Amino acid sequence: MPLEPRISLACPYCDELIYETLSWFKQPYFNCPACDNGLAAGQFTSVIRELEHAMDARVEEIINDAPHTSCCGKKSCCH
């Protein structure tokens, strides 16, 4: 089972970085570990959407990338 990605986002109140899983930031309501102010998933929706889009694009790029024919991708070396 793959591990869920962890990200860091700044708290809008104290500006401290919160390093948690994506699903943690998607909870309806949670508290900042640094300042204990209440936060809602909606405060991070657009950033998380952008991150997920970038991660999906990267995964697709990895899957669709053609395999190299040698260790560095050049046919002339490493034979």
PDB file of N, CA and C in Angstrom:
ATOM      1  N   MET A   1       0.841  -1.173   0.000  1.00  0.00           N
ATOM      2  CA  MET A   1       0.000   0.000   0.000  1.00  0.00           C
ATOM      3  C   MET A   1       0.889   1.239   0.000  1.00  0.00           C
ATOM      4  N   PRO A   2       0.725   2.130  -0.986  1.00  0.00           N
ATOM      5  CA  PRO A   2       1.578   3.313  -1.036  1.00  0.00           C
ATOM      6  C   PRO A   2       1.246   4.289   0.084  1.00  0.00           C
ATOM      7  N   LEU A   3       2.271   4.991   0.518  1.00  0.00           N
ATOM      8  CA  LEU A   3       2.072   5.988   1.556  1.00  0.00           C
ATOM      9  C   LEU A   3       1.401   7.213   0.971  1.00  0.00           C
ATOM     10  N   GLU A   4       0.559   7.832   1.752  1.00  0.00           N
ATOM     11  CA  GLU A   4      -0.105   9.048   1.308  1.00  0.00           C
ATOM     12  C   GLU A   4       0.903  10.200   1.300  1.00  0.00           C
ATOM     13  N   PRO A   5       0.876  11.008   0.260  1.00  0.00           N
ATOM     14  CA  PRO A   5       1.826  12.125   0.201  1.00  0.00           C
ATOM     15  C   PRO A   5       1.626  13.105   1.346  1.00  0.00           C
ATOM     16  N   ARG A   6       2.736  13.615   1.846  1.00  0.00           N
ATOM     17  CA  ARG A   6       2.703  14.641   2.887  1.00  0.00           C
ATOM     18  C   ARG A   6       3.139  15.949   2.248  1.00  0.00           C
ATOM     19  N   ILE A   7       2.476  17.009   2.638  1.00  0.00           N
ATOM     20  CA  ILE A   7       2.793  18.325   2.107  1.00  0.00           C
ATOM     21  C   ILE A   7       2.933  19.301   3.267  1.00  0.00           C
ATOM     22  N   SER A   8       3.515  20.441   3.006  1.00  0.00           N
ATOM     23  CA  SER A   8       3.567  21.486   4.028  1.00  0.00           C
ATOM     24  C   SER A   8       2.916  22.743   3.467  1.00  0.00           C
ATOM     25  N   LEU A   9       1.995  23.272   4.236  1.00  0.00           N
ATOM     26  CA  LEU A   9       1.298  24.504   3.896  1.00  0.00           C
ATOM     27  C   LEU A   9       1.364  25.435   5.095  1.00  0.00           C
ATOM     28  N   ALA A  10       1.431  26.730   4.819  1.00  0.00           N
ATOM     29  CA  ALA A  10       1.519  27.713   5.896  1.00  0.00           C
ATOM     30  C   ALA A  10       0.146  27.974   6.505  1.00  0.00           C
ATOM     31  N   CYS A  11       0.121  28.056   7.817  1.00  0.00           N
ATOM     32  CA  CYS A  11      -1.096  28.422   8.532  1.00  0.00           C
ATOM     33  C   CYS A  11      -1.416  29.878   8.192  1.00  0.00           C
ATOM     34  N   PRO A  12      -2.670  30.182   7.840  1.00  0.00           N
ATOM     35  CA  PRO A  12      -3.013  31.562   7.506  1.00  0.00           C
ATOM     36  C   PRO A  12      -3.001  32.507   8.715  1.00  0.00           C
ATOM     37  N   TYR A  13      -2.946  31.952   9.927  1.00  0.00           N
ATOM     38  CA  TYR A  13      -2.950  32.785  11.124  1.00  0.00           C
ATOM     39  C   TYR A  13      -1.545  33.059  11.653  1.00  0.00           C
ATOM     40  N   CYS A  14      -0.745  32.002  11.813  1.00  0.00           N
ATOM     41  CA  CYS A  14       0.581  32.185  12.422  1.00  0.00           C
ATOM     42  C   CYS A  14       1.725  32.042  11.419  1.00  0.00           C
ATOM     43  N   ASP A  15       1.415  31.644  10.193  1.00  0.00           N
ATOM     44  CA  ASP A  15       2.382  31.483   9.103  1.00  0.00           C
ATOM     45  C   ASP A  15       3.385  30.344   9.331  1.00  0.00           C
ATOM     46  N   GLU A  16       3.161  29.520  10.341  1.00  0.00           N
ATOM     47  CA  GLU A  16       4.016  28.349  10.556  1.00  0.00           C
ATOM     48  C   GLU A  16       3.636  27.272   9.542  1.00  0.00           C
ATOM     49  N   LEU A  17       4.622  26.495   9.104  1.00  0.00           N
ATOM     50  CA  LEU A  17       4.341  25.417   8.163  1.00  0.00           C
ATOM     51  C   LEU A  17       3.705  24.239   8.885  1.00  0.00           C
ATOM     52  N   ILE A  18       2.662  23.722   8.292  1.00  0.00           N
ATOM     53  CA  ILE A  18       1.983  22.526   8.789  1.00  0.00           C
ATOM     54  C   ILE A  18       2.342  21.402   7.823  1.00  0.00           C
ATOM     55  N   TYR A  19       3.020  20.372   8.323  1.00  0.00           N
ATOM     56  CA  TYR A  19       3.460  19.242   7.502  1.00  0.00           C
ATOM     57  C   TYR A  19       2.575  18.049   7.812  1.00  0.00           C
ATOM     58  N   GLU A  20       1.627  17.779   6.911  1.00  0.00           N
ATOM     59  CA  GLU A  20       0.669  16.696   7.117  1.00  0.00           C
ATOM     60  C   GLU A  20       0.327  16.038   5.789  1.00  0.00           C
ATOM     61  N   THR A  21      -0.503  15.002   5.860  1.00  0.00           N
ATOM     62  CA  THR A  21      -0.956  14.309   4.650  1.00  0.00           C
ATOM     63  C   THR A  21      -2.026  15.149   3.942  1.00  0.00           C
ATOM     64  N   LEU A  22      -2.208  14.856   2.670  1.00  0.00           N
ATOM     65  CA  LEU A  22      -3.246  15.550   1.911  1.00  0.00           C
ATOM     66  C   LEU A  22      -4.617  15.385   2.555  1.00  0.00           C
ATOM     67  N   SER A  23      -4.934  14.180   3.010  1.00  0.00           N
ATOM     68  CA  SER A  23      -6.256  13.946   3.600  1.00  0.00           C
ATOM     69  C   SER A  23      -6.451  14.745   4.889  1.00  0.00           C
ATOM     70  N   TRP A  24      -5.378  15.021   5.620  1.00  0.00           N
ATOM     71  CA  TRP A  24      -5.480  15.823   6.842  1.00  0.00           C
ATOM     72  C   TRP A  24      -5.988  17.217   6.499  1.00  0.00           C
ATOM     73  N   PHE A  25      -5.456  17.797   5.412  1.00  0.00           N
ATOM     74  CA  PHE A  25      -5.876  19.131   4.999  1.00  0.00           C
ATOM     75  C   PHE A  25      -7.287  19.135   4.401  1.00  0.00           C
ATOM     76  N   LYS A  26      -7.803  17.967   4.054  1.00  0.00           N
ATOM     77  CA  LYS A  26      -9.150  17.877   3.473  1.00  0.00           C
ATOM     78  C   LYS A  26     -10.236  17.664   4.526  1.00  0.00           C
ATOM     79  N   GLN A  27      -9.863  17.520   5.781  1.00  0.00           N
ATOM     80  CA  GLN A  27     -10.853  17.375   6.842  1.00  0.00           C
ATOM     81  C   GLN A  27     -11.746  18.612   6.869  1.00  0.00           C
ATOM     82  N   PRO A  28     -13.004  18.460   7.266  1.00  0.00           N
ATOM     83  CA  PRO A  28     -13.876  19.634   7.314  1.00  0.00           C
ATOM     84  C   PRO A  28     -13.347  20.721   8.257  1.00  0.00           C
ATOM     85  N   TYR A  29     -12.773  20.301   9.378  1.00  0.00           N
ATOM     86  CA  TYR A  29     -12.282  21.253  10.380  1.00  0.00           C
ATOM     87  C   TYR A  29     -11.099  20.633  11.116  1.00  0.00           C
ATOM     88  N   PHE A  30     -10.073  21.432  11.385  1.00  0.00           N
ATOM     89  CA  PHE A  30      -8.906  20.970  12.130  1.00  0.00           C
ATOM     90  C   PHE A  30      -8.212  22.169  12.752  1.00  0.00           C
ATOM     91  N   ASN A  31      -7.301  21.923  13.666  1.00  0.00           N
ATOM     92  CA  ASN A  31      -6.575  22.994  14.331  1.00  0.00           C
ATOM     93  C   ASN A  31      -5.116  23.010  13.884  1.00  0.00           C
ATOM     94  N   CYS A  32      -4.565  24.208  13.786  1.00  0.00           N
ATOM     95  CA  CYS A  32      -3.142  24.347  13.478  1.00  0.00           C
ATOM     96  C   CYS A  32      -2.347  23.796  14.654  1.00  0.00           C
ATOM     97  N   PRO A  33      -1.376  22.910  14.408  1.00  0.00           N
ATOM     98  CA  PRO A  33      -0.576  22.363  15.505  1.00  0.00           C
ATOM     99  C   PRO A  33       0.278  23.422  16.217  1.00  0.00           C
ATOM    100  N   ALA A  34       0.601  24.507  15.530  1.00  0.00           N
ATOM    101  CA  ALA A  34       1.458  25.532  16.123  1.00  0.00           C
ATOM    102  C   ALA A  34       0.676  26.538  16.980  1.00  0.00           C
ATOM    103  N   CYS A  35      -0.414  27.091  16.440  1.00  0.00           N
ATOM    104  CA  CYS A  35      -1.136  28.151  17.160  1.00  0.00           C
ATOM    105  C   CYS A  35      -2.504  27.721  17.679  1.00  0.00           C
ATOM    106  N   ASP A  36      -2.956  26.533  17.297  1.00  0.00           N
ATOM    107  CA  ASP A  36      -4.224  25.952  17.735  1.00  0.00           C
ATOM    108  C   ASP A  36      -5.457  26.694  17.210  1.00  0.00           C
ATOM    109  N   ASN A  37      -5.289  27.587  16.250  1.00  0.00           N
ATOM    110  CA  ASN A  37      -6.448  28.233  15.625  1.00  0.00           C
ATOM    111  C   ASN A  37      -7.174  27.237  14.746  1.00  0.00           C
ATOM    112  N   GLY A  38      -8.483  27.377  14.663  1.00  0.00           N
ATOM    113  CA  GLY A  38      -9.294  26.493  13.845  1.00  0.00           C
ATOM    114  C   GLY A  38      -9.142  26.794  12.371  1.00  0.00           C
ATOM    115  N   LEU A  39      -9.047  25.742  11.590  1.00  0.00           N
ATOM    116  CA  LEU A  39      -8.911  25.848  10.136  1.00  0.00           C
ATOM    117  C   LEU A  39      -9.956  24.955   9.484  1.00  0.00           C
ATOM    118  N   ALA A  40     -10.312  25.280   8.268  1.00  0.00           N
ATOM    119  CA  ALA A  40     -11.278  24.484   7.514  1.00  0.00           C
ATOM    120  C   ALA A  40     -10.654  24.079   6.187  1.00  0.00           C
ATOM    121  N   ALA A  41     -11.103  22.956   5.671  1.00  0.00           N
ATOM    122  CA  ALA A  41     -10.569  22.436   4.411  1.00  0.00           C
ATOM    123  C   ALA A  41     -10.685  23.461   3.291  1.00  0.00           C
ATOM    124  N   GLY A  42     -11.745  24.248   3.298  1.00  0.00           N
ATOM    125  CA  GLY A  42     -11.963  25.234   2.255  1.00  0.00           C
ATOM    126  C   GLY A  42     -10.852  26.264   2.146  1.00  0.00           C
ATOM    127  N   GLN A  43     -10.126  26.478   3.225  1.00  0.00           N
ATOM    128  CA  GLN A  43      -9.034  27.446   3.206  1.00  0.00           C
ATOM    129  C   GLN A  43      -7.857  26.965   2.361  1.00  0.00           C
ATOM    130  N   PHE A  44      -7.794  25.674   2.081  1.00  0.00           N
ATOM    131  CA  PHE A  44      -6.665  25.103   1.363  1.00  0.00           C
ATOM    132  C   PHE A  44      -7.081  24.437   0.044  1.00  0.00           C
ATOM    133  N   THR A  45      -8.359  24.505  -0.301  1.00  0.00           N
ATOM    134  CA  THR A  45      -8.881  23.778  -1.460  1.00  0.00           C
ATOM    135  C   THR A  45      -8.141  24.075  -2.750  1.00  0.00           C
ATOM    136  N   SER A  46      -7.936  25.336  -3.081  1.00  0.00           N
ATOM    137  CA  SER A  46      -7.306  25.666  -4.368  1.00  0.00           C
ATOM    138  C   SER A  46      -5.858  25.204  -4.421  1.00  0.00           C
ATOM    139  N   VAL A  47      -5.132  25.343  -3.325  1.00  0.00           N
ATOM    140  CA  VAL A  47      -3.733  24.904  -3.293  1.00  0.00           C
ATOM    141  C   VAL A  47      -3.653  23.387  -3.424  1.00  0.00           C
ATOM    142  N   ILE A  48      -4.507  22.683  -2.710  1.00  0.00           N
ATOM    143  CA  ILE A  48      -4.503  21.223  -2.764  1.00  0.00           C
ATOM    144  C   ILE A  48      -4.897  20.737  -4.154  1.00  0.00           C
ATOM    145  N   ARG A  49      -5.858  21.392  -4.765  1.00  0.00           N
ATOM    146  CA  ARG A  49      -6.266  21.020  -6.122  1.00  0.00           C
ATOM    147  C   ARG A  49      -5.093  21.164  -7.091  1.00  0.00           C
ATOM    148  N   GLU A  50      -4.345  22.248  -6.981  1.00  0.00           N
ATOM    149  CA  GLU A  50      -3.172  22.459  -7.836  1.00  0.00           C
ATOM    150  C   GLU A  50      -2.101  21.396  -7.584  1.00  0.00           C
ATOM    151  N   LEU A  51      -1.859  21.080  -6.325  1.00  0.00           N
ATOM    152  CA  LEU A  51      -0.873  20.051  -5.984  1.00  0.00           C
ATOM    153  C   LEU A  51      -1.280  18.689  -6.531  1.00  0.00           C
ATOM    154  N   GLU A  52      -2.533  18.327  -6.364  1.00  0.00           N
ATOM    155  CA  GLU A  52      -3.002  17.041  -6.873  1.00  0.00           C
ATOM    156  C   GLU A  52      -2.910  16.986  -8.395  1.00  0.00           C
ATOM    157  N   HIS A  53      -3.225  18.077  -9.053  1.00  0.00           N
ATOM    158  CA  HIS A  53      -3.121  18.122 -10.509  1.00  0.00           C
ATOM    159  C   HIS A  53      -1.655  17.930 -10.933  1.00  0.00           C
ATOM    160  N   ALA A  54      -0.742  18.590 -10.252  1.00  0.00           N
ATOM    161  CA  ALA A  54       0.683  18.456 -10.573  1.00  0.00           C
ATOM    162  C   ALA A  54       1.179  17.035 -10.306  1.00  0.00           C
ATOM    163  N   MET A  55       0.734  16.432  -9.205  1.00  0.00           N
ATOM    164  CA  MET A  55       1.145  15.059  -8.893  1.00  0.00           C
ATOM    165  C   MET A  55       0.594  14.078  -9.919  1.00  0.00           C
ATOM    166  N   ASP A  56      -0.668  14.262 -10.323  1.00  0.00           N
ATOM    167  CA  ASP A  56      -1.257  13.391 -11.339  1.00  0.00           C
ATOM    168  C   ASP A  56      -0.518  13.516 -12.662  1.00  0.00           C
ATOM    169  N   ALA A  57      -0.160  14.743 -13.034  1.00  0.00           N
ATOM    170  CA  ALA A  57       0.575  14.961 -14.278  1.00  0.00           C
ATOM    171  C   ALA A  57       1.947  14.296 -14.217  1.00  0.00           C
ATOM    172  N   ARG A  58       2.594  14.359 -13.072  1.00  0.00           N
ATOM    173  CA  ARG A  58       3.917  13.746 -12.913  1.00  0.00           C
ATOM    174  C   ARG A  58       3.816  12.222 -13.007  1.00  0.00           C
ATOM    175  N   VAL A  59       2.816  11.647 -12.368  1.00  0.00           N
ATOM    176  CA  VAL A  59       2.624  10.195 -12.428  1.00  0.00           C
ATOM    177  C   VAL A  59       2.374   9.768 -13.868  1.00  0.00           C
ATOM    178  N   GLU A  60       1.531  10.507 -14.570  1.00  0.00           N
ATOM    179  CA  GLU A  60       1.249  10.183 -15.961  1.00  0.00           C
ATOM    180  C   GLU A  60       2.513  10.301 -16.814  1.00  0.00           C
ATOM    181  N   GLU A  61       3.326  11.309 -16.535  1.00  0.00           N
ATOM    182  CA  GLU A  61       4.589  11.484 -17.258  1.00  0.00           C
ATOM    183  C   GLU A  61       5.523  10.300 -17.019  1.00  0.00           C
ATOM    184  N   ILE A  62       5.591   9.841 -15.796  1.00  0.00           N
ATOM    185  CA  ILE A  62       6.455   8.704 -15.456  1.00  0.00           C
ATOM    186  C   ILE A  62       5.959   7.442 -16.155  1.00  0.00           C
ATOM    187  N   ILE A  63       4.655   7.229 -16.123  1.00  0.00           N
ATOM    188  CA  ILE A  63       4.083   6.027 -16.727  1.00  0.00           C
ATOM    189  C   ILE A  63       4.252   6.024 -18.235  1.00  0.00           C
ATOM    190  N   ASN A  64       4.062   7.164 -18.866  1.00  0.00           N
ATOM    191  CA  ASN A  64       4.102   7.245 -20.321  1.00  0.00           C
ATOM    192  C   ASN A  64       5.489   7.501 -20.894  1.00  0.00           C
ATOM    193  N   ASP A  65       6.479   7.737 -20.071  1.00  0.00           N
ATOM    194  CA  ASP A  65       7.829   7.993 -20.556  1.00  0.00           C
ATOM    195  C   ASP A  65       8.404   6.734 -21.186  1.00  0.00           C
ATOM    196  N   ALA A  66       8.985   6.882 -22.348  1.00  0.00           N
ATOM    197  CA  ALA A  66       9.584   5.730 -23.043  1.00  0.00           C
ATOM    198  C   ALA A  66      10.814   5.257 -22.278  1.00  0.00           C
ATOM    199  N   PRO A  67      10.984   3.950 -22.137  1.00  0.00           N
ATOM    200  CA  PRO A  67      12.167   3.443 -21.436  1.00  0.00           C
ATOM    201  C   PRO A  67      13.430   3.756 -22.232  1.00  0.00           C
ATOM    202  N   HIS A  68      14.490   4.053 -21.509  1.00  0.00           N
ATOM    203  CA  HIS A  68      15.776   4.327 -22.143  1.00  0.00           C
ATOM    204  C   HIS A  68      16.442   3.022 -22.553  1.00  0.00           C
ATOM    205  N   THR A  69      17.278   3.107 -23.569  1.00  0.00           N
ATOM    206  CA  THR A  69      17.956   1.908 -24.052  1.00  0.00           C
ATOM    207  C   THR A  69      19.251   1.637 -23.310  1.00  0.00           C
ATOM    208  N   SER A  70      19.698   2.588 -22.494  1.00  0.00           N
ATOM    209  CA  SER A  70      20.911   2.389 -21.708  1.00  0.00           C
ATOM    210  C   SER A  70      20.829   3.224 -20.430  1.00  0.00           C
ATOM    211  N   CYS A  71      21.885   3.194 -19.642  1.00  0.00           N
ATOM    212  CA  CYS A  71      21.841   3.844 -18.324  1.00  0.00           C
ATOM    213  C   CYS A  71      21.680   5.358 -18.401  1.00  0.00           C
ATOM    214  N   CYS A  72      22.168   5.998 -19.439  1.00  0.00           N
ATOM    215  CA  CYS A  72      22.078   7.451 -19.531  1.00  0.00           C
ATOM    216  C   CYS A  72      21.152   7.910 -20.648  1.00  0.00           C
ATOM    217  N   GLY A  73      20.543   6.986 -21.353  1.00  0.00           N
ATOM    218  CA  GLY A  73      19.624   7.346 -22.403  1.00  0.00           C
ATOM    219  C   GLY A  73      20.268   7.490 -23.775  1.00  0.00           C
ATOM    220  N   LYS A  74      21.573   7.381 -23.833  1.00  0.00           N
ATOM    221  CA  LYS A  74      22.267   7.482 -25.121  1.00  0.00           C
ATOM    222  C   LYS A  74      22.676   6.103 -25.581  1.00  0.00           C
ATOM    223  N   LYS A  75      22.413   5.789 -26.839  1.00  0.00           N
ATOM    224  CA  LYS A  75      22.740   4.465 -27.349  1.00  0.00           C
ATOM    225  C   LYS A  75      24.244   4.266 -27.493  1.00  0.00           C
ATOM    226  N   SER A  76      24.986   5.353 -27.676  1.00  0.00           N
ATOM    227  CA  SER A  76      26.417   5.226 -27.967  1.00  0.00           C
ATOM    228  C   SER A  76      27.266   4.835 -26.762  1.00  0.00           C
ATOM    229  N   CYS A  77      26.820   5.068 -25.584  1.00  0.00           N
ATOM    230  CA  CYS A  77      27.618   4.712 -24.402  1.00  0.00           C
ATOM    231  C   CYS A  77      26.990   3.538 -23.660  1.00  0.00           C
ATOM    232  N   CYS A  78      27.713   2.956 -22.742  1.00  0.00           N
ATOM    233  CA  CYS A  78      27.205   1.911 -21.848  1.00  0.00           C
ATOM    234  C   CYS A  78      26.812   0.620 -22.587  1.00  0.00           C
ATOM    235  N   HIS A  79      27.446   0.292 -23.667  1.00  0.00           N
ATOM    236  CA  HIS A  79      27.120  -0.978 -24.353  1.00  0.00           C
ATOM    237  C   HIS A  79      27.840  -2.111 -23.727  1.00  0.00           C
TER     238      HIS A  79
END
